[in-house]
Amino acid sequence: MQFALGGVGVAALIFGIVEAAKEFGLQGKASRVLVLVLGVFFVGLAQANAQGLLDEQVMQWVNLGVTALAGGLAAMGYYDFSKKRNGE
């Protein structure tokens, strides 16, 4: 089953957040704990949304936040890619 919020796949979102955290110095078991916490949070949120447990206005804000977060993570990835491509 594919979970998504705001059109963003939860698995891809978690991967991006953890990779960004590693760039900022997160190491070892802390990254595994972060994956677990984010997985429980975002999958739970997606399930709550799918079952209609959250108000529509709440989900509009959740979708906005998730989409903005995904945009920021994508920009970080593009920046890293361009640095590597240009040999920096």
PDB file of N, CA and C in Angstrom:
ATOM      1  N   MET A   1       0.840  -1.180   0.000  1.00  0.00           N
ATOM      2  CA  MET A   1       0.000   0.000   0.000  1.00  0.00           C
ATOM      3  C   MET A   1       0.890   1.249   0.000  1.00  0.00           C
ATOM      4  N   GLN A   2       0.558   2.190  -0.857  1.00  0.00           N
ATOM      5  CA  GLN A   2       1.315   3.429  -0.964  1.00  0.00           C
ATOM      6  C   GLN A   2       0.608   4.512  -0.157  1.00  0.00           C
ATOM      7  N   PHE A   3       1.339   5.098   0.786  1.00  0.00           N
ATOM      8  CA  PHE A   3       0.791   6.187   1.580  1.00  0.00           C
ATOM      9  C   PHE A   3       1.282   7.506   1.013  1.00  0.00           C
ATOM     10  N   ALA A   4       0.399   8.492   0.953  1.00  0.00           N
ATOM     11  CA  ALA A   4       0.772   9.805   0.436  1.00  0.00           C
ATOM     12  C   ALA A   4       0.023  10.886   1.206  1.00  0.00           C
ATOM     13  N   LEU A   5       0.667  12.028   1.300  1.00  0.00           N
ATOM     14  CA  LEU A   5       0.060  13.229   1.882  1.00  0.00           C
ATOM     15  C   LEU A   5       0.369  14.385   0.948  1.00  0.00           C
ATOM     16  N   GLY A   6      -0.643  15.111   0.552  1.00  0.00           N
ATOM     17  CA  GLY A   6      -0.425  16.239  -0.344  1.00  0.00           C
ATOM     18  C   GLY A   6       0.204  15.830  -1.663  1.00  0.00           C
ATOM     19  N   GLY A   7      -0.057  14.597  -2.096  1.00  0.00           N
ATOM     20  CA  GLY A   7       0.514  14.102  -3.339  1.00  0.00           C
ATOM     21  C   GLY A   7       1.970  13.661  -3.214  1.00  0.00           C
ATOM     22  N   VAL A   8       2.497  13.667  -2.011  1.00  0.00           N
ATOM     23  CA  VAL A   8       3.895  13.300  -1.769  1.00  0.00           C
ATOM     24  C   VAL A   8       3.925  11.931  -1.102  1.00  0.00           C
ATOM     25  N   GLY A   9       4.695  11.013  -1.665  1.00  0.00           N
ATOM     26  CA  GLY A   9       4.838   9.688  -1.070  1.00  0.00           C
ATOM     27  C   GLY A   9       5.514   9.784   0.286  1.00  0.00           C
ATOM     28  N   VAL A  10       4.932   9.136   1.284  1.00  0.00           N
ATOM     29  CA  VAL A  10       5.456   9.186   2.644  1.00  0.00           C
ATOM     30  C   VAL A  10       6.865   8.596   2.707  1.00  0.00           C
ATOM     31  N   ALA A  11       7.117   7.500   1.993  1.00  0.00           N
ATOM     32  CA  ALA A  11       8.445   6.872   2.018  1.00  0.00           C
ATOM     33  C   ALA A  11       9.507   7.839   1.481  1.00  0.00           C
ATOM     34  N   ALA A  12       9.204   8.506   0.386  1.00  0.00           N
ATOM     35  CA  ALA A  12      10.154   9.458  -0.187  1.00  0.00           C
ATOM     36  C   ALA A  12      10.380  10.645   0.754  1.00  0.00           C
ATOM     37  N   LEU A  13       9.326  11.082   1.403  1.00  0.00           N
ATOM     38  CA  LEU A  13       9.426  12.190   2.343  1.00  0.00           C
ATOM     39  C   LEU A  13      10.325  11.824   3.531  1.00  0.00           C
ATOM     40  N   ILE A  14      10.116  10.643   4.077  1.00  0.00           N
ATOM     41  CA  ILE A  14      10.935  10.194   5.211  1.00  0.00           C
ATOM     42  C   ILE A  14      12.396  10.065   4.792  1.00  0.00           C
ATOM     43  N   PHE A  15      12.629   9.485   3.634  1.00  0.00           N
ATOM     44  CA  PHE A  15      13.993   9.351   3.125  1.00  0.00           C
ATOM     45  C   PHE A  15      14.661  10.716   3.008  1.00  0.00           C
ATOM     46  N   GLY A  16      13.956  11.677   2.438  1.00  0.00           N
ATOM     47  CA  GLY A  16      14.514  13.018   2.269  1.00  0.00           C
ATOM     48  C   GLY A  16      14.820  13.704   3.586  1.00  0.00           C
ATOM     49  N   ILE A  17      13.922  13.576   4.545  1.00  0.00           N
ATOM     50  CA  ILE A  17      14.139  14.206   5.855  1.00  0.00           C
ATOM     51  C   ILE A  17      15.356  13.593   6.547  1.00  0.00           C
ATOM     52  N   VAL A  18      15.464  12.278   6.509  1.00  0.00           N
ATOM     53  CA  VAL A  18      16.585  11.607   7.184  1.00  0.00           C
ATOM     54  C   VAL A  18      17.907  11.948   6.499  1.00  0.00           C
ATOM     55  N   GLU A  19      17.927  11.978   5.184  1.00  0.00           N
ATOM     56  CA  GLU A  19      19.161  12.333   4.474  1.00  0.00           C
ATOM     57  C   GLU A  19      19.565  13.775   4.778  1.00  0.00           C
ATOM     58  N   ALA A  20      18.595  14.666   4.871  1.00  0.00           N
ATOM     59  CA  ALA A  20      18.897  16.053   5.234  1.00  0.00           C
ATOM     60  C   ALA A  20      19.439  16.121   6.657  1.00  0.00           C
ATOM     61  N   ALA A  21      18.850  15.355   7.563  1.00  0.00           N
ATOM     62  CA  ALA A  21      19.330  15.341   8.947  1.00  0.00           C
ATOM     63  C   ALA A  21      20.756  14.810   9.032  1.00  0.00           C
ATOM     64  N   LYS A  22      21.085  13.828   8.207  1.00  0.00           N
ATOM     65  CA  LYS A  22      22.449  13.303   8.177  1.00  0.00           C
ATOM     66  C   LYS A  22      23.437  14.373   7.702  1.00  0.00           C
ATOM     67  N   GLU A  23      23.016  15.182   6.745  1.00  0.00           N
ATOM     68  CA  GLU A  23      23.874  16.275   6.270  1.00  0.00           C
ATOM     69  C   GLU A  23      24.149  17.283   7.377  1.00  0.00           C
ATOM     70  N   PHE A  24      23.210  17.424   8.292  1.00  0.00           N
ATOM     71  CA  PHE A  24      23.382  18.353   9.408  1.00  0.00           C
ATOM     72  C   PHE A  24      24.051  17.706  10.615  1.00  0.00           C
ATOM     73  N   GLY A  25      24.500  16.441  10.449  1.00  0.00           N
ATOM     74  CA  GLY A  25      25.294  15.818  11.490  1.00  0.00           C
ATOM     75  C   GLY A  25      24.666  14.660  12.243  1.00  0.00           C
ATOM     76  N   LEU A  26      23.441  14.285  11.923  1.00  0.00           N
ATOM     77  CA  LEU A  26      22.815  13.147  12.603  1.00  0.00           C
ATOM     78  C   LEU A  26      23.566  11.874  12.229  1.00  0.00           C
ATOM     79  N   GLN A  27      23.887  11.048  13.228  1.00  0.00           N
ATOM     80  CA  GLN A  27      24.693   9.857  12.971  1.00  0.00           C
ATOM     81  C   GLN A  27      24.137   8.640  13.696  1.00  0.00           C
ATOM     82  N   GLY A  28      24.596   7.466  13.244  1.00  0.00           N
ATOM     83  CA  GLY A  28      24.365   6.213  13.945  1.00  0.00           C
ATOM     84  C   GLY A  28      22.921   5.866  14.215  1.00  0.00           C
ATOM     85  N   LYS A  29      22.686   5.409  15.437  1.00  0.00           N
ATOM     86  CA  LYS A  29      21.357   4.942  15.830  1.00  0.00           C
ATOM     87  C   LYS A  29      20.326   6.058  15.856  1.00  0.00           C
ATOM     88  N   ALA A  30      20.779   7.272  15.999  1.00  0.00           N
ATOM     89  CA  ALA A  30      19.841   8.400  16.009  1.00  0.00           C
ATOM     90  C   ALA A  30      19.087   8.481  14.685  1.00  0.00           C
ATOM     91  N   SER A  31      19.749   8.157  13.578  1.00  0.00           N
ATOM     92  CA  SER A  31      19.064   8.201  12.285  1.00  0.00           C
ATOM     93  C   SER A  31      18.005   7.101  12.200  1.00  0.00           C
ATOM     94  N   ARG A  32      18.274   5.943  12.810  1.00  0.00           N
ATOM     95  CA  ARG A  32      17.283   4.868  12.823  1.00  0.00           C
ATOM     96  C   ARG A  32      16.079   5.251  13.680  1.00  0.00           C
ATOM     97  N   VAL A  33      16.331   5.905  14.785  1.00  0.00           N
ATOM     98  CA  VAL A  33      15.237   6.368  15.641  1.00  0.00           C
ATOM     99  C   VAL A  33      14.397   7.403  14.887  1.00  0.00           C
ATOM    100  N   LEU A  34      15.066   8.301  14.181  1.00  0.00           N
ATOM    101  CA  LEU A  34      14.348   9.313  13.404  1.00  0.00           C
ATOM    102  C   LEU A  34      13.461   8.658  12.347  1.00  0.00           C
ATOM    103  N   VAL A  35      13.978   7.651  11.654  1.00  0.00           N
ATOM    104  CA  VAL A  35      13.181   6.940  10.653  1.00  0.00           C
ATOM    105  C   VAL A  35      11.945   6.323  11.295  1.00  0.00           C
ATOM    106  N   LEU A  36      12.122   5.689  12.438  1.00  0.00           N
ATOM    107  CA  LEU A  36      10.999   5.058  13.132  1.00  0.00           C
ATOM    108  C   LEU A  36       9.940   6.081  13.529  1.00  0.00           C
ATOM    109  N   VAL A  37      10.368   7.169  14.142  1.00  0.00           N
ATOM    110  CA  VAL A  37       9.433   8.200  14.593  1.00  0.00           C
ATOM    111  C   VAL A  37       8.692   8.831  13.413  1.00  0.00           C
ATOM    112  N   LEU A  38       9.443   9.164  12.362  1.00  0.00           N
ATOM    113  CA  LEU A  38       8.810   9.769  11.190  1.00  0.00           C
ATOM    114  C   LEU A  38       7.846   8.798  10.514  1.00  0.00           C
ATOM    115  N   GLY A  39       8.231   7.527  10.451  1.00  0.00           N
ATOM    116  CA  GLY A  39       7.355   6.523   9.845  1.00  0.00           C
ATOM    117  C   GLY A  39       6.042   6.402  10.589  1.00  0.00           C
ATOM    118  N   VAL A  40       6.124   6.289  11.902  1.00  0.00           N
ATOM    119  CA  VAL A  40       4.908   6.194  12.709  1.00  0.00           C
ATOM    120  C   VAL A  40       4.056   7.447  12.521  1.00  0.00           C
ATOM    121  N   PHE A  41       4.690   8.611  12.558  1.00  0.00           N
ATOM    122  CA  PHE A  41       3.951   9.868  12.449  1.00  0.00           C
ATOM    123  C   PHE A  41       3.270  10.016  11.087  1.00  0.00           C
ATOM    124  N   PHE A  42       4.040   9.916  10.000  1.00  0.00           N
ATOM    125  CA  PHE A  42       3.488  10.188   8.674  1.00  0.00           C
ATOM    126  C   PHE A  42       2.537   9.088   8.192  1.00  0.00           C
ATOM    127  N   VAL A  43       2.829   7.821   8.486  1.00  0.00           N
ATOM    128  CA  VAL A  43       1.908   6.755   8.099  1.00  0.00           C
ATOM    129  C   VAL A  43       0.627   6.862   8.921  1.00  0.00           C
ATOM    130  N   GLY A  44       0.760   7.169  10.196  1.00  0.00           N
ATOM    131  CA  GLY A  44      -0.431   7.374  11.020  1.00  0.00           C
ATOM    132  C   GLY A  44      -1.281   8.526  10.518  1.00  0.00           C
ATOM    133  N   LEU A  45      -0.631   9.594  10.131  1.00  0.00           N
ATOM    134  CA  LEU A  45      -1.342  10.757   9.585  1.00  0.00           C
ATOM    135  C   LEU A  45      -2.046  10.399   8.276  1.00  0.00           C
ATOM    136  N   ALA A  46      -1.357   9.662   7.414  1.00  0.00           N
ATOM    137  CA  ALA A  46      -1.957   9.254   6.137  1.00  0.00           C
ATOM    138  C   ALA A  46      -3.152   8.322   6.370  1.00  0.00           C
ATOM    139  N   GLN A  47      -3.016   7.398   7.321  1.00  0.00           N
ATOM    140  CA  GLN A  47      -4.121   6.495   7.633  1.00  0.00           C
ATOM    141  C   GLN A  47      -5.309   7.254   8.225  1.00  0.00           C
ATOM    142  N   ALA A  48      -5.024   8.177   9.120  1.00  0.00           N
ATOM    143  CA  ALA A  48      -6.100   8.978   9.709  1.00  0.00           C
ATOM    144  C   ALA A  48      -6.837   9.763   8.632  1.00  0.00           C
ATOM    145  N   ASN A  49      -6.078  10.284   7.673  1.00  0.00           N
ATOM    146  CA  ASN A  49      -6.692  11.015   6.566  1.00  0.00           C
ATOM    147  C   ASN A  49      -7.531  10.086   5.701  1.00  0.00           C
ATOM    148  N   ALA A  50      -6.999   8.909   5.385  1.00  0.00           N
ATOM    149  CA  ALA A  50      -7.718   7.955   4.536  1.00  0.00           C
ATOM    150  C   ALA A  50      -9.024   7.487   5.176  1.00  0.00           C
ATOM    151  N   GLN A  51      -9.040   7.415   6.496  1.00  0.00           N
ATOM    152  CA  GLN A  51     -10.239   6.969   7.198  1.00  0.00           C
ATOM    153  C   GLN A  51     -11.182   8.118   7.550  1.00  0.00           C
ATOM    154  N   GLY A  52     -10.822   9.322   7.162  1.00  0.00           N
ATOM    155  CA  GLY A  52     -11.692  10.469   7.404  1.00  0.00           C
ATOM    156  C   GLY A  52     -11.716  10.929   8.853  1.00  0.00           C
ATOM    157  N   LEU A  53     -10.662  10.642   9.603  1.00  0.00           N
ATOM    158  CA  LEU A  53     -10.621  10.999  11.024  1.00  0.00           C
ATOM    159  C   LEU A  53     -10.205  12.448  11.267  1.00  0.00           C
ATOM    160  N   LEU A  54      -9.656  13.090  10.245  1.00  0.00           N
ATOM    161  CA  LEU A  54      -9.182  14.463  10.402  1.00  0.00           C
ATOM    162  C   LEU A  54     -10.067  15.425   9.617  1.00  0.00           C
ATOM    163  N   ASP A  55     -10.306  16.569  10.190  1.00  0.00           N
ATOM    164  CA  ASP A  55     -11.112  17.600   9.561  1.00  0.00           C
ATOM    165  C   ASP A  55     -10.467  18.042   8.241  1.00  0.00           C
ATOM    166  N   GLU A  56     -11.284  18.398   7.281  1.00  0.00           N
ATOM    167  CA  GLU A  56     -10.783  18.811   5.967  1.00  0.00           C
ATOM    168  C   GLU A  56      -9.871  20.028   6.054  1.00  0.00           C
ATOM    169  N   GLN A  57     -10.192  20.977   6.918  1.00  0.00           N
ATOM    170  CA  GLN A  57      -9.338  22.160   7.076  1.00  0.00           C
ATOM    171  C   GLN A  57      -7.982  21.789   7.665  1.00  0.00           C
ATOM    172  N   VAL A  58      -7.955  20.853   8.575  1.00  0.00           N
ATOM    173  CA  VAL A  58      -6.688  20.380   9.146  1.00  0.00           C
ATOM    174  C   VAL A  58      -5.847  19.750   8.048  1.00  0.00           C
ATOM    175  N   MET A  59      -6.469  18.925   7.219  1.00  0.00           N
ATOM    176  CA  MET A  59      -5.725  18.250   6.162  1.00  0.00           C
ATOM    177  C   MET A  59      -5.213  19.228   5.109  1.00  0.00           C
ATOM    178  N   GLN A  60      -5.911  20.332   4.896  1.00  0.00           N
ATOM    179  CA  GLN A  60      -5.390  21.343   3.970  1.00  0.00           C
ATOM    180  C   GLN A  60      -4.069  21.888   4.484  1.00  0.00           C
ATOM    181  N   TRP A  61      -3.976  22.134   5.786  1.00  0.00           N
ATOM    182  CA  TRP A  61      -2.730  22.634   6.377  1.00  0.00           C
ATOM    183  C   TRP A  61      -1.647  21.559   6.388  1.00  0.00           C
ATOM    184  N   VAL A  62      -2.039  20.332   6.668  1.00  0.00           N
ATOM    185  CA  VAL A  62      -1.073  19.219   6.633  1.00  0.00           C
ATOM    186  C   VAL A  62      -0.515  19.070   5.222  1.00  0.00           C
ATOM    187  N   ASN A  63      -1.382  19.071   4.230  1.00  0.00           N
ATOM    188  CA  ASN A  63      -0.933  18.950   2.844  1.00  0.00           C
ATOM    189  C   ASN A  63      -0.033  20.106   2.439  1.00  0.00           C
ATOM    190  N   LEU A  64      -0.362  21.304   2.886  1.00  0.00           N
ATOM    191  CA  LEU A  64       0.487  22.461   2.602  1.00  0.00           C
ATOM    192  C   LEU A  64       1.871  22.276   3.218  1.00  0.00           C
ATOM    193  N   GLY A  65       1.911  21.871   4.473  1.00  0.00           N
ATOM    194  CA  GLY A  65       3.190  21.677   5.147  1.00  0.00           C
ATOM    195  C   GLY A  65       4.025  20.577   4.519  1.00  0.00           C
ATOM    196  N   VAL A  66       3.385  19.473   4.175  1.00  0.00           N
ATOM    197  CA  VAL A  66       4.108  18.350   3.562  1.00  0.00           C
ATOM    198  C   VAL A  66       4.632  18.738   2.184  1.00  0.00           C
ATOM    199  N   THR A  67       3.823  19.415   1.395  1.00  0.00           N
ATOM    200  CA  THR A  67       4.252  19.829   0.067  1.00  0.00           C
ATOM    201  C   THR A  67       5.403  20.825   0.147  1.00  0.00           C
ATOM    202  N   ALA A  68       5.328  21.771   1.063  1.00  0.00           N
ATOM    203  CA  ALA A  68       6.411  22.739   1.243  1.00  0.00           C
ATOM    204  C   ALA A  68       7.688  22.051   1.708  1.00  0.00           C
ATOM    205  N   LEU A  69       7.563  21.106   2.626  1.00  0.00           N
ATOM    206  CA  LEU A  69       8.723  20.350   3.101  1.00  0.00           C
ATOM    207  C   LEU A  69       9.357  19.569   1.955  1.00  0.00           C
ATOM    208  N   ALA A  70       8.533  18.927   1.147  1.00  0.00           N
ATOM    209  CA  ALA A  70       9.051  18.177   0.000  1.00  0.00           C
ATOM    210  C   ALA A  70       9.757  19.101  -0.986  1.00  0.00           C
ATOM    211  N   GLY A  71       9.221  20.296  -1.182  1.00  0.00           N
ATOM    212  CA  GLY A  71       9.869  21.272  -2.071  1.00  0.00           C
ATOM    213  C   GLY A  71      11.228  21.691  -1.551  1.00  0.00           C
ATOM    214  N   GLY A  72      11.323  21.932  -0.251  1.00  0.00           N
ATOM    215  CA  GLY A  72      12.607  22.297   0.349  1.00  0.00           C
ATOM    216  C   GLY A  72      13.619  21.177   0.245  1.00  0.00           C
ATOM    217  N   LEU A  73      13.188  19.944   0.484  1.00  0.00           N
ATOM    218  CA  LEU A  73      14.083  18.797   0.369  1.00  0.00           C
ATOM    219  C   LEU A  73      14.533  18.592  -1.072  1.00  0.00           C
ATOM    220  N   ALA A  74      13.624  18.792  -2.011  1.00  0.00           N
ATOM    221  CA  ALA A  74      13.986  18.674  -3.427  1.00  0.00           C
ATOM    222  C   ALA A  74      15.014  19.733  -3.805  1.00  0.00           C
ATOM    223  N   ALA A  75      14.850  20.944  -3.291  1.00  0.00           N
ATOM    224  CA  ALA A  75      15.814  22.011  -3.575  1.00  0.00           C
ATOM    225  C   ALA A  75      17.186  21.664  -3.000  1.00  0.00           C
ATOM    226  N   MET A  76      17.215  21.082  -1.801  1.00  0.00           N
ATOM    227  CA  MET A  76      18.486  20.651  -1.215  1.00  0.00           C
ATOM    228  C   MET A  76      19.156  19.589  -2.087  1.00  0.00           C
ATOM    229  N   GLY A  77      18.368  18.644  -2.555  1.00  0.00           N
ATOM    230  CA  GLY A  77      18.899  17.591  -3.412  1.00  0.00           C
ATOM    231  C   GLY A  77      19.426  18.129  -4.718  1.00  0.00           C
ATOM    232  N   TYR A  78      18.704  19.050  -5.307  1.00  0.00           N
ATOM    233  CA  TYR A  78      19.144  19.654  -6.569  1.00  0.00           C
ATOM    234  C   TYR A  78      20.432  20.441  -6.359  1.00  0.00           C
ATOM    235  N   TYR A  79      20.526  21.152  -5.255  1.00  0.00           N
ATOM    236  CA  TYR A  79      21.727  21.915  -4.929  1.00  0.00           C
ATOM    237  C   TYR A  79      22.935  20.984  -4.790  1.00  0.00           C
ATOM    238  N   ASP A  80      22.772  19.892  -4.057  1.00  0.00           N
ATOM    239  CA  ASP A  80      23.859  18.924  -3.896  1.00  0.00           C
ATOM    240  C   ASP A  80      24.255  18.312  -5.234  1.00  0.00           C
ATOM    241  N   PHE A  81      23.265  17.978  -6.046  1.00  0.00           N
ATOM    242  CA  PHE A  81      23.526  17.401  -7.367  1.00  0.00           C
ATOM    243  C   PHE A  81      24.323  18.372  -8.225  1.00  0.00           C
ATOM    244  N   SER A  82      23.924  19.640  -8.230  1.00  0.00           N
ATOM    245  CA  SER A  82      24.630  20.618  -9.079  1.00  0.00           C
ATOM    246  C   SER A  82      26.049  20.864  -8.580  1.00  0.00           C
ATOM    247  N   LYS A  83      26.259  20.827  -7.271  1.00  0.00           N
ATOM    248  CA  LYS A  83      27.613  20.982  -6.729  1.00  0.00           C
ATOM    249  C   LYS A  83      28.514  19.825  -7.183  1.00  0.00           C
ATOM    250  N   LYS A  84      27.988  18.613  -7.096  1.00  0.00           N
ATOM    251  CA  LYS A  84      28.760  17.441  -7.519  1.00  0.00           C
ATOM    252  C   LYS A  84      29.016  17.442  -9.010  1.00  0.00           C
ATOM    253  N   ARG A  85      28.034  17.867  -9.756  1.00  0.00           N
ATOM    254  CA  ARG A  85      28.169  17.892 -11.222  1.00  0.00           C
ATOM    255  C   ARG A  85      29.206  18.916 -11.657  1.00  0.00           C
ATOM    256  N   ASN A  86      29.277  20.028 -10.948  1.00  0.00           N
ATOM    257  CA  ASN A  86      30.229  21.080 -11.296  1.00  0.00           C
ATOM    258  C   ASN A  86      31.584  20.887 -10.637  1.00  0.00           C
ATOM    259  N   GLY A  87      31.738  19.796  -9.908  1.00  0.00           N
ATOM    260  CA  GLY A  87      33.017  19.477  -9.308  1.00  0.00           C
ATOM    261  C   GLY A  87      33.376  20.304  -8.095  1.00  0.00           C
ATOM    262  N   GLU A  88      32.401  20.811  -7.406  1.00  0.00           N
ATOM    263  CA  GLU A  88      32.679  21.633  -6.203  1.00  0.00           C
ATOM    264  C   GLU A  88      32.798  20.773  -4.982  1.00  0.00           C
TER     265      GLU A  88
END
